[in-house]
Amino acid sequence: MKPIAVNQLSDNFFETISKEWMLVTAGNKDAFNAMTANWGGIGFLWNKPVVYVFIRPERYTFGFMEKNDYFTLSFLGEENKSIHKI
């Protein structure tokens, strides 16, 4: 995987987020967690790019999201959809 600048995104995110798997990762170099998700959104708010995901408080990843300023979304694509079973 490689970082992609927001202005280089060209996917149909309605399709990508609803039908393909993505990983939400939060934490730091000492402690982190990733979970699969297929709900959220992407867009612009007050001329700034934004992305949002919803994580239930019961999920282990929720604590990492609350304690850290940043999180990562990784889109696996259809060819890697089974990777979440690891």
N, C-alpha and C. Protein backbone atom coordinates (compact mmCIF):
# COMPACT_ATOMS: atom_id res chain seq x y z
N MET A 1 0.83 -1.18 0.00
CA MET A 1 0.00 0.00 0.00
C MET A 1 0.88 1.24 0.00
N LYS A 2 0.32 2.32 -0.54
CA LYS A 2 1.06 3.57 -0.57
C LYS A 2 0.11 4.73 -0.29
N PRO A 3 0.64 5.79 0.32
CA PRO A 3 -0.21 6.97 0.56
C PRO A 3 -0.65 7.60 -0.75
N ILE A 4 -1.86 8.12 -0.77
CA ILE A 4 -2.39 8.81 -1.95
C ILE A 4 -2.92 10.16 -1.49
N ALA A 5 -2.52 11.22 -2.17
CA ALA A 5 -3.03 12.55 -1.86
C ALA A 5 -4.51 12.61 -2.18
N VAL A 6 -5.25 13.35 -1.36
CA VAL A 6 -6.70 13.40 -1.52
C VAL A 6 -7.10 13.91 -2.90
N ASN A 7 -6.33 14.79 -3.49
CA ASN A 7 -6.68 15.31 -4.83
C ASN A 7 -6.40 14.30 -5.93
N GLN A 8 -5.80 13.15 -5.61
CA GLN A 8 -5.55 12.10 -6.59
C GLN A 8 -6.61 10.99 -6.55
N LEU A 9 -7.54 11.08 -5.62
CA LEU A 9 -8.58 10.06 -5.50
C LEU A 9 -9.56 10.18 -6.66
N SER A 10 -9.84 9.06 -7.29
CA SER A 10 -10.75 9.08 -8.43
C SER A 10 -11.83 7.99 -8.34
N ASP A 11 -11.79 7.19 -7.28
CA ASP A 11 -12.76 6.11 -7.14
C ASP A 11 -14.17 6.65 -6.89
N ASN A 12 -15.14 5.81 -7.16
CA ASN A 12 -16.52 6.09 -6.78
C ASN A 12 -16.66 5.60 -5.34
N PHE A 13 -16.58 6.52 -4.38
CA PHE A 13 -16.56 6.09 -2.99
C PHE A 13 -17.90 5.59 -2.47
N PHE A 14 -18.99 5.88 -3.15
CA PHE A 14 -20.25 5.24 -2.79
C PHE A 14 -20.10 3.74 -3.00
N GLU A 15 -19.52 3.36 -4.09
CA GLU A 15 -19.28 1.95 -4.41
C GLU A 15 -18.19 1.36 -3.53
N THR A 16 -17.09 2.07 -3.41
CA THR A 16 -15.93 1.56 -2.67
C THR A 16 -16.28 1.32 -1.21
N ILE A 17 -16.88 2.29 -0.54
CA ILE A 17 -17.16 2.16 0.89
C ILE A 17 -18.27 1.15 1.15
N SER A 18 -19.28 1.09 0.30
CA SER A 18 -20.41 0.20 0.58
C SER A 18 -20.18 -1.24 0.18
N LYS A 19 -19.34 -1.50 -0.82
CA LYS A 19 -19.22 -2.86 -1.33
C LYS A 19 -17.83 -3.49 -1.20
N GLU A 20 -16.81 -2.70 -0.98
CA GLU A 20 -15.47 -3.25 -0.79
C GLU A 20 -15.08 -3.08 0.67
N TRP A 21 -14.09 -3.82 1.09
CA TRP A 21 -13.64 -3.72 2.46
C TRP A 21 -12.62 -2.62 2.60
N MET A 22 -12.66 -1.98 3.75
CA MET A 22 -11.60 -1.05 4.11
C MET A 22 -11.19 -1.36 5.54
N LEU A 23 -9.95 -1.02 5.84
CA LEU A 23 -9.45 -1.16 7.20
C LEU A 23 -9.38 0.22 7.83
N VAL A 24 -9.87 0.33 9.05
CA VAL A 24 -9.71 1.53 9.86
C VAL A 24 -8.63 1.19 10.88
N THR A 25 -7.54 1.94 10.88
CA THR A 25 -6.44 1.71 11.79
C THR A 25 -6.21 2.95 12.63
N ALA A 26 -6.06 2.76 13.93
CA ALA A 26 -5.79 3.88 14.83
C ALA A 26 -4.80 3.43 15.90
N GLY A 27 -4.07 4.38 16.44
CA GLY A 27 -3.11 4.09 17.49
C GLY A 27 -1.82 4.84 17.26
N ASN A 28 -0.75 4.30 17.82
CA ASN A 28 0.58 4.86 17.63
C ASN A 28 1.57 3.72 17.46
N LYS A 29 2.86 4.03 17.43
CA LYS A 29 3.84 2.97 17.14
C LYS A 29 3.91 1.92 18.23
N ASP A 30 3.46 2.24 19.44
CA ASP A 30 3.52 1.30 20.54
C ASP A 30 2.26 0.44 20.69
N ALA A 31 1.12 0.99 20.31
CA ALA A 31 -0.15 0.26 20.45
C ALA A 31 -1.11 0.75 19.39
N PHE A 32 -1.65 -0.19 18.63
CA PHE A 32 -2.58 0.17 17.56
C PHE A 32 -3.52 -1.00 17.28
N ASN A 33 -4.56 -0.72 16.53
CA ASN A 33 -5.51 -1.76 16.16
C ASN A 33 -6.14 -1.40 14.84
N ALA A 34 -6.51 -2.41 14.08
CA ALA A 34 -7.21 -2.21 12.81
C ALA A 34 -8.49 -3.05 12.83
N MET A 35 -9.49 -2.54 12.15
CA MET A 35 -10.74 -3.28 12.02
C MET A 35 -11.29 -3.08 10.62
N THR A 36 -12.06 -4.03 10.15
CA THR A 36 -12.71 -3.86 8.85
C THR A 36 -13.96 -3.01 9.03
N ALA A 37 -14.30 -2.31 7.98
CA ALA A 37 -15.50 -1.47 8.01
C ALA A 37 -16.02 -1.31 6.58
N ASN A 38 -17.28 -1.01 6.47
CA ASN A 38 -17.83 -0.68 5.16
C ASN A 38 -18.93 0.37 5.29
N TRP A 39 -18.65 1.36 6.17
CA TRP A 39 -19.55 2.48 6.33
C TRP A 39 -18.74 3.71 6.66
N GLY A 40 -19.16 4.82 6.15
CA GLY A 40 -18.47 6.09 6.35
C GLY A 40 -18.67 6.96 5.14
N GLY A 41 -17.87 7.99 5.03
CA GLY A 41 -18.01 8.90 3.90
C GLY A 41 -16.78 9.75 3.70
N ILE A 42 -16.77 10.45 2.58
CA ILE A 42 -15.65 11.30 2.20
C ILE A 42 -16.23 12.51 1.47
N GLY A 43 -15.61 13.65 1.65
CA GLY A 43 -16.11 14.85 0.97
C GLY A 43 -15.31 16.08 1.35
N PHE A 44 -15.95 17.24 1.24
CA PHE A 44 -15.32 18.51 1.60
C PHE A 44 -16.22 19.25 2.56
N LEU A 45 -15.63 19.84 3.59
CA LEU A 45 -16.35 20.62 4.58
C LEU A 45 -15.57 21.89 4.83
N TRP A 46 -16.18 23.02 4.57
CA TRP A 46 -15.51 24.32 4.69
C TRP A 46 -14.20 24.35 3.90
N ASN A 47 -14.27 23.83 2.67
CA ASN A 47 -13.13 23.81 1.74
C ASN A 47 -11.96 22.94 2.21
N LYS A 48 -12.22 22.01 3.10
CA LYS A 48 -11.18 21.08 3.56
C LYS A 48 -11.65 19.66 3.27
N PRO A 49 -10.73 18.79 2.84
CA PRO A 49 -11.12 17.39 2.64
C PRO A 49 -11.40 16.73 3.99
N VAL A 50 -12.47 15.96 4.06
CA VAL A 50 -12.82 15.25 5.29
C VAL A 50 -13.20 13.81 4.97
N VAL A 51 -13.03 12.96 5.95
CA VAL A 51 -13.48 11.58 5.87
C VAL A 51 -14.05 11.24 7.24
N TYR A 52 -15.07 10.39 7.27
CA TYR A 52 -15.63 10.01 8.55
C TYR A 52 -16.01 8.54 8.54
N VAL A 53 -15.90 7.94 9.70
CA VAL A 53 -16.30 6.55 9.91
C VAL A 53 -17.04 6.49 11.24
N PHE A 54 -17.86 5.49 11.40
CA PHE A 54 -18.60 5.31 12.63
C PHE A 54 -18.14 4.01 13.28
N ILE A 55 -17.75 4.10 14.55
CA ILE A 55 -17.28 2.93 15.28
C ILE A 55 -18.03 2.87 16.61
N ARG A 56 -18.66 1.75 16.86
CA ARG A 56 -19.39 1.58 18.12
C ARG A 56 -18.44 1.61 19.31
N PRO A 57 -18.86 2.16 20.44
CA PRO A 57 -18.00 2.21 21.63
C PRO A 57 -17.56 0.83 22.11
N GLU A 58 -18.32 -0.20 21.80
CA GLU A 58 -17.96 -1.56 22.23
C GLU A 58 -16.78 -2.14 21.45
N ARG A 59 -16.45 -1.56 20.33
CA ARG A 59 -15.35 -2.09 19.51
C ARG A 59 -14.00 -1.73 20.13
N TYR A 60 -13.07 -2.67 20.08
CA TYR A 60 -11.73 -2.46 20.63
C TYR A 60 -11.05 -1.25 20.00
N THR A 61 -11.25 -1.03 18.74
CA THR A 61 -10.62 0.08 18.01
C THR A 61 -11.12 1.44 18.50
N PHE A 62 -12.31 1.49 19.08
CA PHE A 62 -12.89 2.76 19.53
C PHE A 62 -11.96 3.50 20.49
N GLY A 63 -11.37 2.80 21.44
CA GLY A 63 -10.45 3.43 22.39
C GLY A 63 -9.24 4.05 21.71
N PHE A 64 -8.73 3.39 20.69
CA PHE A 64 -7.59 3.93 19.94
C PHE A 64 -8.00 5.19 19.17
N MET A 65 -9.20 5.19 18.64
CA MET A 65 -9.70 6.38 17.94
C MET A 65 -9.86 7.55 18.90
N GLU A 66 -10.33 7.29 20.10
CA GLU A 66 -10.53 8.35 21.09
C GLU A 66 -9.22 8.93 21.61
N LYS A 67 -8.18 8.09 21.72
CA LYS A 67 -6.92 8.53 22.32
C LYS A 67 -5.94 9.14 21.32
N ASN A 68 -6.19 9.02 20.04
CA ASN A 68 -5.23 9.47 19.03
C ASN A 68 -5.87 10.48 18.08
N ASP A 69 -5.04 11.38 17.57
CA ASP A 69 -5.53 12.45 16.70
C ASP A 69 -5.76 12.00 15.26
N TYR A 70 -5.13 10.91 14.85
CA TYR A 70 -5.18 10.50 13.45
C TYR A 70 -5.60 9.04 13.33
N PHE A 71 -6.14 8.71 12.19
CA PHE A 71 -6.44 7.33 11.86
C PHE A 71 -6.21 7.15 10.37
N THR A 72 -6.14 5.91 9.94
CA THR A 72 -5.87 5.58 8.55
C THR A 72 -7.01 4.73 7.99
N LEU A 73 -7.40 5.02 6.76
CA LEU A 73 -8.31 4.16 6.03
C LEU A 73 -7.52 3.51 4.91
N SER A 74 -7.57 2.20 4.84
CA SER A 74 -6.90 1.45 3.77
C SER A 74 -7.96 0.69 3.00
N PHE A 75 -8.00 0.91 1.70
CA PHE A 75 -8.99 0.25 0.85
C PHE A 75 -8.33 -0.94 0.18
N LEU A 76 -8.88 -2.13 0.42
CA LEU A 76 -8.23 -3.36 0.01
C LEU A 76 -8.55 -3.76 -1.42
N GLY A 77 -9.66 -3.34 -1.95
CA GLY A 77 -10.02 -3.76 -3.30
C GLY A 77 -10.60 -5.16 -3.30
N GLU A 78 -11.34 -5.46 -4.31
CA GLU A 78 -12.01 -6.76 -4.43
C GLU A 78 -11.02 -7.92 -4.41
N GLU A 79 -9.87 -7.76 -5.04
CA GLU A 79 -8.90 -8.85 -5.13
C GLU A 79 -8.29 -9.21 -3.77
N ASN A 80 -8.38 -8.33 -2.78
CA ASN A 80 -7.82 -8.58 -1.45
C ASN A 80 -8.90 -8.69 -0.37
N LYS A 81 -10.13 -8.87 -0.77
CA LYS A 81 -11.24 -8.85 0.19
C LYS A 81 -11.10 -9.92 1.27
N SER A 82 -10.51 -11.05 0.97
CA SER A 82 -10.40 -12.13 1.94
C SER A 82 -9.32 -11.89 2.99
N ILE A 83 -8.53 -10.84 2.86
CA ILE A 83 -7.44 -10.59 3.80
C ILE A 83 -7.97 -10.34 5.22
N HIS A 84 -9.20 -9.88 5.35
CA HIS A 84 -9.75 -9.59 6.67
C HIS A 84 -9.93 -10.84 7.52
N LYS A 85 -9.82 -12.00 6.93
CA LYS A 85 -9.99 -13.25 7.66
C LYS A 85 -8.74 -13.68 8.42
N ILE A 86 -7.65 -12.97 8.19
CA ILE A 86 -6.38 -13.33 8.84
C ILE A 86 -6.46 -13.10 10.33
